PDB file of N, CA and C in Angstrom:
ATOM      1  N   MET A   1     296.337 113.715  95.864  1.00  0.00           N
ATOM      2  CA  MET A   1     296.396 112.302  96.065  1.00  0.00           C
ATOM      3  C   MET A   1     294.995 111.692  96.022  1.00  0.00           C
ATOM      4  N   LEU A   2     294.028 112.350  96.590  1.00  0.00           N
ATOM      5  CA  LEU A   2     292.665 111.832  96.631  1.00  0.00           C
ATOM      6  C   LEU A   2     292.136 111.583  95.225  1.00  0.00           C
ATOM      7  N   GLN A   3     292.329 112.523  94.351  1.00  0.00           N
ATOM      8  CA  GLN A   3     291.844 112.375  92.974  1.00  0.00           C
ATOM      9  C   GLN A   3     292.528 111.200  92.279  1.00  0.00           C
ATOM     10  N   SER A   4     293.803 111.023  92.518  1.00  0.00           N
ATOM     11  CA  SER A   4     294.536 109.897  91.926  1.00  0.00           C
ATOM     12  C   SER A   4     293.992 108.563  92.425  1.00  0.00           C
ATOM     13  N   LEU A   5     293.675 108.481  93.701  1.00  0.00           N
ATOM     14  CA  LEU A   5     293.113 107.251  94.255  1.00  0.00           C
ATOM     15  C   LEU A   5     291.739 106.949  93.666  1.00  0.00           C
ATOM     16  N   LEU A   6     290.937 107.969  93.488  1.00  0.00           N
ATOM     17  CA  LEU A   6     289.613 107.774  92.897  1.00  0.00           C
ATOM     18  C   LEU A   6     289.724 107.308  91.450  1.00  0.00           C
ATOM     19  N   GLN A   7     290.669 107.858  90.716  1.00  0.00           N
ATOM     20  CA  GLN A   7     290.890 107.428  89.337  1.00  0.00           C
ATOM     21  C   GLN A   7     291.370 105.979  89.295  1.00  0.00           C
ATOM     22  N   LEU A   8     292.241 105.626  90.204  1.00  0.00           N
ATOM     23  CA  LEU A   8     292.719 104.251  90.275  1.00  0.00           C
ATOM     24  C   LEU A   8     291.567 103.299  90.595  1.00  0.00           C
ATOM     25  N   ALA A   9     290.704 103.678  91.522  1.00  0.00           N
ATOM     26  CA  ALA A   9     289.582 102.845  91.921  1.00  0.00           C
ATOM     27  C   ALA A   9     288.628 102.573  90.763  1.00  0.00           C
ATOM     28  N   GLU A  10     288.590 103.459  89.803  1.00  0.00           N
ATOM     29  CA  GLU A  10     287.745 103.253  88.624  1.00  0.00           C
ATOM     30  C   GLU A  10     288.305 102.173  87.708  1.00  0.00           C
ATOM     31  N   ARG A  11     289.606 101.910  87.796  1.00  0.00           N
ATOM     32  CA  ARG A  11     290.268 100.970  86.877  1.00  0.00           C
ATOM     33  C   ARG A  11     290.524  99.596  87.481  1.00  0.00           C
ATOM     34  N   VAL A  12     290.380  99.463  88.794  1.00  0.00           N
ATOM     35  CA  VAL A  12     290.686  98.192  89.455  1.00  0.00           C
ATOM     36  C   VAL A  12     289.506  97.759  90.324  1.00  0.00           C
ATOM     37  N   ASP A  13     289.545  96.504  90.773  1.00  0.00           N
ATOM     38  CA  ASP A  13     288.462  95.996  91.616  1.00  0.00           C
ATOM     39  C   ASP A  13     288.507  96.570  93.018  1.00  0.00           C
ATOM     40  N   VAL A  14     289.713  96.702  93.564  1.00  0.00           N
ATOM     41  CA  VAL A  14     289.872  97.181  94.932  1.00  0.00           C
ATOM     42  C   VAL A  14     291.230  97.869  95.065  1.00  0.00           C
ATOM     43  N   VAL A  15     291.292  98.856  95.941  1.00  0.00           N
ATOM     44  CA  VAL A  15     292.546  99.563  96.231  1.00  0.00           C
ATOM     45  C   VAL A  15     292.908  99.268  97.683  1.00  0.00           C
ATOM     46  N   VAL A  16     294.124  98.794  97.902  1.00  0.00           N
ATOM     47  CA  VAL A  16     294.594  98.493  99.253  1.00  0.00           C
ATOM     48  C   VAL A  16     295.491  99.630  99.721  1.00  0.00           C
ATOM     49  N   LEU A  17     295.105 100.266 100.817  1.00  0.00           N
ATOM     50  CA  LEU A  17     295.912 101.314 101.436  1.00  0.00           C
ATOM     51  C   LEU A  17     296.654 100.655 102.598  1.00  0.00           C
ATOM     52  N   ALA A  18     297.869 100.214 102.337  1.00  0.00           N
ATOM     53  CA  ALA A  18     298.591  99.374 103.290  1.00  0.00           C
ATOM     54  C   ALA A  18     299.255 100.148 104.425  1.00  0.00           C
ATOM     55  N   GLN A  19     299.433 101.427 104.275  1.00  0.00           N
ATOM     56  CA  GLN A  19     300.058 102.212 105.340  1.00  0.00           C
ATOM     57  C   GLN A  19     298.975 102.828 106.222  1.00  0.00           C
ATOM     58  N   ALA A  20     299.191 102.754 107.512  1.00  0.00           N
ATOM     59  CA  ALA A  20     298.214 103.303 108.461  1.00  0.00           C
ATOM     60  C   ALA A  20     297.943 104.783 108.193  1.00  0.00           C
ATOM     61  N   SER A  21     298.950 105.511 107.805  1.00  0.00           N
ATOM     62  CA  SER A  21     298.780 106.946 107.568  1.00  0.00           C
ATOM     63  C   SER A  21     297.858 107.239 106.385  1.00  0.00           C
ATOM     64  N   MET A  22     297.696 106.291 105.498  1.00  0.00           N
ATOM     65  CA  MET A  22     296.836 106.508 104.322  1.00  0.00           C
ATOM     66  C   MET A  22     295.360 106.271 104.633  1.00  0.00           C
ATOM     67  N   SER A  23     295.070 105.571 105.718  1.00  0.00           N
ATOM     68  CA  SER A  23     293.680 105.236 106.017  1.00  0.00           C
ATOM     69  C   SER A  23     292.829 106.470 106.293  1.00  0.00           C
ATOM     70  N   ARG A  24     293.441 107.555 106.708  1.00  0.00           N
ATOM     71  CA  ARG A  24     292.655 108.765 106.988  1.00  0.00           C
ATOM     72  C   ARG A  24     292.064 109.378 105.724  1.00  0.00           C
ATOM     73  N   VAL A  25     292.559 108.979 104.561  1.00  0.00           N
ATOM     74  CA  VAL A  25     292.004 109.461 103.295  1.00  0.00           C
ATOM     75  C   VAL A  25     290.536 109.051 103.166  1.00  0.00           C
ATOM     76  N   LEU A  26     290.183 107.909 103.741  1.00  0.00           N
ATOM     77  CA  LEU A  26     288.818 107.406 103.610  1.00  0.00           C
ATOM     78  C   LEU A  26     287.780 108.365 104.152  1.00  0.00           C
ATOM     79  N   THR A  27     288.125 109.160 105.145  1.00  0.00           N
ATOM     80  CA  THR A  27     287.161 110.108 105.713  1.00  0.00           C
ATOM     81  C   THR A  27     286.776 111.192 104.717  1.00  0.00           C
ATOM     82  N   ARG A  28     287.580 111.365 103.680  1.00  0.00           N
ATOM     83  CA  ARG A  28     287.304 112.386 102.668  1.00  0.00           C
ATOM     84  C   ARG A  28     286.487 111.834 101.498  1.00  0.00           C
ATOM     85  N   LEU A  29     286.185 110.543 101.531  1.00  0.00           N
ATOM     86  CA  LEU A  29     285.427 109.913 100.456  1.00  0.00           C
ATOM     87  C   LEU A  29     283.963 109.762 100.854  1.00  0.00           C
ATOM     88  N   GLU A  30     283.110 109.709  99.851  1.00  0.00           N
ATOM     89  CA  GLU A  30     281.704 109.417 100.084  1.00  0.00           C
ATOM     90  C   GLU A  30     281.584 107.953 100.501  1.00  0.00           C
ATOM     91  N   PRO A  31     280.571 107.613 101.293  1.00  0.00           N
ATOM     92  CA  PRO A  31     280.417 106.224 101.746  1.00  0.00           C
ATOM     93  C   PRO A  31     280.431 105.198 100.609  1.00  0.00           C
ATOM     94  N   ASN A  32     279.783 105.496  99.495  1.00  0.00           N
ATOM     95  CA  ASN A  32     279.766 104.544  98.380  1.00  0.00           C
ATOM     96  C   ASN A  32     281.140 104.404  97.725  1.00  0.00           C
ATOM     97  N   GLU A  33     281.991 105.406  97.842  1.00  0.00           N
ATOM     98  CA  GLU A  33     283.348 105.325  97.293  1.00  0.00           C
ATOM     99  C   GLU A  33     284.261 104.497  98.190  1.00  0.00           C
ATOM    100  N   ARG A  34     283.999 104.490  99.481  1.00  0.00           N
ATOM    101  CA  ARG A  34     284.841 103.782 100.448  1.00  0.00           C
ATOM    102  C   ARG A  34     284.814 102.273 100.245  1.00  0.00           C
ATOM    103  N   GLU A  35     283.759 101.764  99.645  1.00  0.00           N
ATOM    104  CA  GLU A  35     283.621 100.327  99.448  1.00  0.00           C
ATOM    105  C   GLU A  35     284.737  99.741  98.596  1.00  0.00           C
ATOM    106  N   ARG A  36     285.370 100.541  97.781  1.00  0.00           N
ATOM    107  CA  ARG A  36     286.415 100.071  96.871  1.00  0.00           C
ATOM    108  C   ARG A  36     287.803 100.079  97.508  1.00  0.00           C
ATOM    109  N   PHE A  37     287.889 100.508  98.764  1.00  0.00           N
ATOM    110  CA  PHE A  37     289.177 100.659  99.434  1.00  0.00           C
ATOM    111  C   PHE A  37     289.280  99.745 100.652  1.00  0.00           C
ATOM    112  N   LEU A  38     290.430  99.112 100.801  1.00  0.00           N
ATOM    113  CA  LEU A  38     290.749  98.329 101.989  1.00  0.00           C
ATOM    114  C   LEU A  38     291.925  98.997 102.687  1.00  0.00           C
ATOM    115  N   THR A  39     291.889  98.993 104.006  1.00  0.00           N
ATOM    116  CA  THR A  39     293.007  99.562 104.755  1.00  0.00           C
ATOM    117  C   THR A  39     293.551  98.517 105.717  1.00  0.00           C
ATOM    118  N   SER A  40     294.842  98.488 105.865  1.00  0.00           N
ATOM    119  CA  SER A  40     295.444  97.490 106.754  1.00  0.00           C
ATOM    120  C   SER A  40     295.056  97.704 108.213  1.00  0.00           C
ATOM    121  N   PRO A  41     294.939  98.940 108.725  1.00  0.00           N
ATOM    122  CA  PRO A  41     294.523  99.092 110.122  1.00  0.00           C
ATOM    123  C   PRO A  41     293.141  98.478 110.381  1.00  0.00           C
ATOM    124  N   ARG A  42     292.205  98.690 109.498  1.00  0.00           N
ATOM    125  CA  ARG A  42     290.864  98.126 109.674  1.00  0.00           C
ATOM    126  C   ARG A  42     290.918  96.609 109.597  1.00  0.00           C
ATOM    127  N   LEU A  43     291.612  96.084 108.600  1.00  0.00           N
ATOM    128  CA  LEU A  43     291.707  94.631 108.466  1.00  0.00           C
ATOM    129  C   LEU A  43     292.397  94.015 109.677  1.00  0.00           C
ATOM    130  N   ALA A  44     293.390  94.690 110.193  1.00  0.00           N
ATOM    131  CA  ALA A  44     294.105  94.177 111.364  1.00  0.00           C
ATOM    132  C   ALA A  44     293.186  94.138 112.579  1.00  0.00           C
ATOM    133  N   MET A  45     292.378  95.158 112.764  1.00  0.00           N
ATOM    134  CA  MET A  45     291.478  95.185 113.911  1.00  0.00           C
ATOM    135  C   MET A  45     290.383  94.124 113.782  1.00  0.00           C
ATOM    136  N   VAL A  46     289.924  93.864 112.571  1.00  0.00           N
ATOM    137  CA  VAL A  46     288.945  92.793 112.362  1.00  0.00           C
ATOM    138  C   VAL A  46     289.565  91.455 112.757  1.00  0.00           C
ATOM    139  N   GLU A  47     290.794  91.234 112.357  1.00  0.00           N
ATOM    140  CA  GLU A  47     291.485  89.987 112.696  1.00  0.00           C
ATOM    141  C   GLU A  47     291.673  89.855 114.209  1.00  0.00           C
ATOM    142  N   VAL A  48     292.072  90.925 114.862  1.00  0.00           N
ATOM    143  CA  VAL A  48     292.248  90.898 116.315  1.00  0.00           C
ATOM    144  C   VAL A  48     290.914  90.592 117.003  1.00  0.00           C
ATOM    145  N   ALA A  49     289.853  91.214 116.550  1.00  0.00           N
ATOM    146  CA  ALA A  49     288.532  90.964 117.134  1.00  0.00           C
ATOM    147  C   ALA A  49     288.127  89.504 116.967  1.00  0.00           C
ATOM    148  N   GLN A  50     288.429  88.934 115.818  1.00  0.00           N
ATOM    149  CA  GLN A  50     288.105  87.534 115.582  1.00  0.00           C
ATOM    150  C   GLN A  50     288.918  86.619 116.493  1.00  0.00           C
ATOM    151  N   LEU A  51     290.169  86.971 116.718  1.00  0.00           N
ATOM    152  CA  LEU A  51     290.999  86.171 117.612  1.00  0.00           C
ATOM    153  C   LEU A  51     290.428  86.177 119.027  1.00  0.00           C
ATOM    154  N   PHE A  52     290.017  87.334 119.512  1.00  0.00           N
ATOM    155  CA  PHE A  52     289.449  87.418 120.851  1.00  0.00           C
ATOM    156  C   PHE A  52     288.119  86.660 120.935  1.00  0.00           C
ATOM    157  N   THR A  53     287.336  86.725 119.899  1.00  0.00           N
ATOM    158  CA  THR A  53     286.052  86.036 119.877  1.00  0.00           C
ATOM    159  C   THR A  53     286.247  84.517 119.918  1.00  0.00           C
ATOM    160  N   ARG A  54     287.241  84.026 119.200  1.00  0.00           N
ATOM    161  CA  ARG A  54     287.515  82.586 119.171  1.00  0.00           C
ATOM    162  C   ARG A  54     287.984  82.085 120.536  1.00  0.00           C
ATOM    163  N   GLU A  55     288.721  82.913 121.262  1.00  0.00           N
ATOM    164  CA  GLU A  55     289.264  82.506 122.556  1.00  0.00           C
ATOM    165  C   GLU A  55     288.258  82.658 123.680  1.00  0.00           C
ATOM    166  N   ALA A  56     287.215  83.407 123.471  1.00  0.00           N
ATOM    167  CA  ALA A  56     286.221  83.656 124.538  1.00  0.00           C
ATOM    168  C   ALA A  56     285.345  82.452 124.784  1.00  0.00           C
TER     169      ALA A  56
END
């Protein structure tokens, strides 16, 4: 699966890993490769942090 994701990342601007279980794949990538991937758990936590910051 990792190789398939890397090949896909070469053909598109960004790859969205929408399932939480897929986000662990990022730990197997080099830091420069991770830039092409978005994960819903990370995006969700950024949104939650922003909500708390706005209310503080």
